[in-house]
Amino acid sequence: MRIRSALAVAAAAGTIAVVAAPAQAAEYSSALKVRGIQYDAPGRDSNNCRTGNTKNEYLTIKNYSRTARVNLKGYVVKDAAGNKFTFRSNHYLEPGDYVKLRGGKGTDSDAKNVVYRQNCNFIWNNDKDTVYLFKPSGARADVHSYTKARNDRDGNGYITYHG
């Protein structure tokens, strides 16, 4: 009842304020989170499958659970433009384990903690973008927006989120 009374008093006084938190401030109930992103691959950008550097653009996803083993199959990674990658194969992350989702073509490896997008086009923008991680159910597991100027102070093209 106190909340309703306080809202009624605030409304009568005309002092209601709406507070909007940025997307990355929300915490989602997921063991998997984006640990970091190499959004700007070192060197001159080239999406040539044979000689390009899209393999050097990657997203690190970590299992922050202390006890749960998580299968990545069905998880989806998207950017702000709607480009997406779906983990189609079983790839298990033990508690504290991580995987690097790399651009380019290559062989996925549990032992080397790597999955390739099998696409030589860059997905992450070098100036700004939003990283979405969705659970197989479609619910958000994690989301982060970045700009080069605000989030990459040392200019190395890498941003860390969950430590």
Protein backbone atom coordinates (compact mmCIF):
# COMPACT_ATOMS: atom_id res chain seq x y z
CA MET A 1 0.00 0.00 0.00
CA ARG A 2 2.87 2.40 0.69
CA ILE A 3 3.97 2.26 -2.93
CA ARG A 4 0.52 3.24 -4.20
CA SER A 5 0.31 6.05 -1.64
CA ALA A 6 3.76 7.34 -2.53
CA LEU A 7 2.93 7.23 -6.24
CA ALA A 8 -0.35 9.03 -5.65
CA VAL A 9 1.40 11.77 -3.66
CA ALA A 10 4.16 12.07 -6.26
CA ALA A 11 1.62 12.18 -9.09
CA ALA A 12 -0.38 14.86 -7.33
CA ALA A 13 2.79 16.88 -6.86
CA GLY A 14 3.75 16.35 -10.49
CA THR A 15 7.12 14.86 -9.58
CA ILE A 16 7.08 11.43 -11.18
CA ALA A 17 10.35 10.69 -12.94
CA VAL A 18 10.96 7.82 -15.29
CA VAL A 19 14.40 6.30 -14.98
CA ALA A 20 15.65 4.28 -17.92
CA ALA A 21 18.72 2.11 -17.45
CA PRO A 22 20.99 1.37 -20.39
CA ALA A 23 20.60 -2.08 -21.95
CA GLN A 24 23.91 -3.35 -20.60
CA ALA A 25 22.91 -2.54 -17.01
CA ALA A 26 20.25 -5.26 -16.98
CA GLU A 27 21.29 -8.56 -15.48
CA TYR A 28 19.70 -11.59 -17.02
CA SER A 29 19.34 -14.94 -15.29
CA SER A 30 21.81 -16.89 -17.35
CA ALA A 31 24.98 -18.77 -16.56
CA LEU A 32 26.35 -17.74 -19.97
CA LYS A 33 27.44 -14.15 -20.46
CA VAL A 34 29.57 -12.19 -22.88
CA ARG A 35 33.00 -11.90 -21.28
CA GLY A 36 34.48 -9.70 -23.99
CA ILE A 37 34.64 -8.84 -27.66
CA GLN A 38 37.43 -8.27 -30.14
CA TYR A 39 35.21 -6.08 -32.30
CA ASP A 40 38.03 -4.60 -34.38
CA ALA A 41 40.37 -7.29 -35.70
CA PRO A 42 44.02 -6.17 -35.68
CA GLY A 43 45.31 -4.99 -39.06
CA ARG A 44 43.53 -3.73 -42.13
CA ASP A 45 40.05 -5.27 -42.39
CA SER A 46 39.78 -7.87 -45.12
CA ASN A 47 36.98 -10.42 -45.34
CA ASN A 48 38.79 -12.51 -47.93
CA CYS A 49 38.33 -16.11 -46.73
CA ARG A 50 41.84 -17.13 -47.73
CA THR A 51 43.94 -14.12 -46.71
CA GLY A 52 41.62 -11.94 -44.59
CA ASN A 53 41.56 -11.32 -40.85
CA THR A 54 37.96 -12.15 -39.87
CA LYS A 55 39.27 -15.00 -37.67
CA ASN A 56 40.78 -12.29 -35.48
CA GLU A 57 37.34 -10.83 -34.74
CA TYR A 58 35.76 -12.82 -31.91
CA LEU A 59 33.30 -12.84 -29.05
CA THR A 60 34.16 -14.62 -25.81
CA ILE A 61 31.23 -16.29 -24.03
CA LYS A 62 31.84 -17.64 -20.55
CA ASN A 63 29.92 -20.00 -18.25
CA TYR A 64 29.79 -18.07 -14.97
CA SER A 65 28.00 -20.86 -13.11
CA ARG A 66 29.85 -22.57 -10.28
CA THR A 67 28.08 -25.88 -10.82
CA ALA A 68 26.12 -26.07 -14.09
CA ARG A 69 27.46 -27.48 -17.34
CA VAL A 70 25.84 -25.60 -20.24
CA ASN A 71 25.32 -26.74 -23.82
CA LEU A 72 25.61 -23.87 -26.33
CA LYS A 73 23.41 -25.65 -28.88
CA GLY A 74 20.53 -23.34 -29.77
CA TYR A 75 22.08 -20.17 -28.30
CA VAL A 76 22.02 -17.21 -30.69
CA VAL A 77 24.42 -14.27 -31.02
CA LYS A 78 23.18 -11.14 -32.84
CA ASP A 79 24.35 -7.64 -33.60
CA ALA A 80 22.28 -4.44 -33.82
CA ALA A 81 21.71 -4.89 -37.58
CA GLY A 82 20.23 -8.36 -37.06
CA ASN A 83 23.21 -10.37 -38.29
CA LYS A 84 23.16 -13.57 -36.30
CA PHE A 85 24.91 -16.81 -35.56
CA THR A 86 23.18 -19.85 -34.04
CA PHE A 87 25.17 -22.55 -32.29
CA ARG A 88 23.88 -25.59 -34.20
CA SER A 89 26.10 -28.27 -32.65
CA ASN A 90 26.60 -29.45 -29.11
CA HIS A 91 29.38 -27.51 -27.45
CA TYR A 92 29.51 -27.91 -23.69
CA LEU A 93 30.95 -25.34 -21.31
CA GLU A 94 31.92 -26.57 -17.88
CA PRO A 95 31.63 -24.13 -14.95
CA GLY A 96 34.16 -21.33 -15.50
CA ASP A 97 34.87 -22.43 -19.08
CA TYR A 98 34.59 -20.19 -22.14
CA VAL A 99 34.38 -20.32 -25.91
CA LYS A 100 35.61 -17.87 -28.54
CA LEU A 101 33.15 -17.42 -31.39
CA ARG A 102 35.42 -16.42 -34.27
CA GLY A 103 34.68 -15.08 -37.71
CA GLY A 104 36.02 -16.87 -40.76
CA LYS A 105 36.08 -20.55 -41.52
CA GLY A 106 37.69 -23.23 -39.42
CA THR A 107 37.19 -26.39 -37.41
CA ASP A 108 35.26 -26.07 -34.17
CA SER A 109 37.10 -27.49 -31.17
CA ASP A 110 36.00 -28.17 -27.60
CA ALA A 111 39.65 -28.68 -26.63
CA LYS A 112 40.68 -25.29 -28.04
CA ASN A 113 37.48 -23.55 -26.90
CA VAL A 114 36.68 -22.23 -30.36
CA VAL A 115 33.68 -22.16 -32.68
CA TYR A 116 33.83 -20.56 -36.14
CA ARG A 117 30.93 -18.72 -37.73
CA GLN A 118 31.87 -20.26 -41.13
CA ASN A 119 31.36 -16.80 -42.60
CA CYS A 120 34.19 -14.53 -43.70
CA ASN A 121 32.22 -11.29 -43.34
CA PHE A 122 32.80 -9.18 -40.27
CA ILE A 123 29.82 -9.03 -37.90
CA TRP A 124 30.85 -6.33 -35.40
CA ASN A 125 31.11 -2.68 -36.39
CA ASN A 126 34.38 -0.93 -35.61
CA ASP A 127 32.72 2.27 -34.35
CA LYS A 128 29.69 1.03 -32.37
CA ASP A 129 27.36 -1.93 -32.12
CA THR A 130 25.22 -3.99 -29.75
CA VAL A 131 25.97 -7.60 -28.82
CA TYR A 132 22.98 -9.81 -27.98
CA LEU A 133 23.17 -13.34 -26.57
CA PHE A 134 19.90 -15.28 -26.59
CA LYS A 135 19.06 -18.58 -24.90
CA PRO A 136 17.57 -21.41 -26.99
CA SER A 137 14.17 -20.39 -25.56
CA GLY A 138 14.56 -16.94 -27.13
CA ALA A 139 15.04 -15.18 -23.78
CA ARG A 140 17.95 -12.78 -23.50
CA ALA A 141 20.98 -14.17 -21.74
CA ASP A 142 23.10 -10.99 -22.03
CA VAL A 143 23.34 -7.73 -23.99
CA HIS A 144 25.99 -5.01 -24.31
CA SER A 145 26.23 -1.88 -26.43
CA TYR A 146 29.59 -0.30 -27.17
CA THR A 147 31.18 2.62 -28.89
CA LYS A 148 34.86 2.72 -29.72
CA ALA A 149 35.30 6.15 -28.10
CA ARG A 150 33.47 5.34 -24.85
CA ASN A 151 34.37 1.69 -24.21
CA ASP A 152 37.78 1.08 -25.79
CA ARG A 153 40.01 3.59 -24.01
CA ASP A 154 43.30 1.95 -25.06
CA GLY A 155 42.15 1.61 -28.68
CA ASN A 156 43.16 -2.05 -29.06
CA GLY A 157 39.77 -3.13 -30.45
CA TYR A 158 38.93 -5.31 -27.41
CA ILE A 159 36.34 -4.62 -24.71
CA THR A 160 35.89 -6.67 -21.51
CA TYR A 161 32.43 -6.95 -19.91
CA HIS A 162 32.03 -9.59 -17.22
CA GLY A 163 35.50 -10.15 -15.71
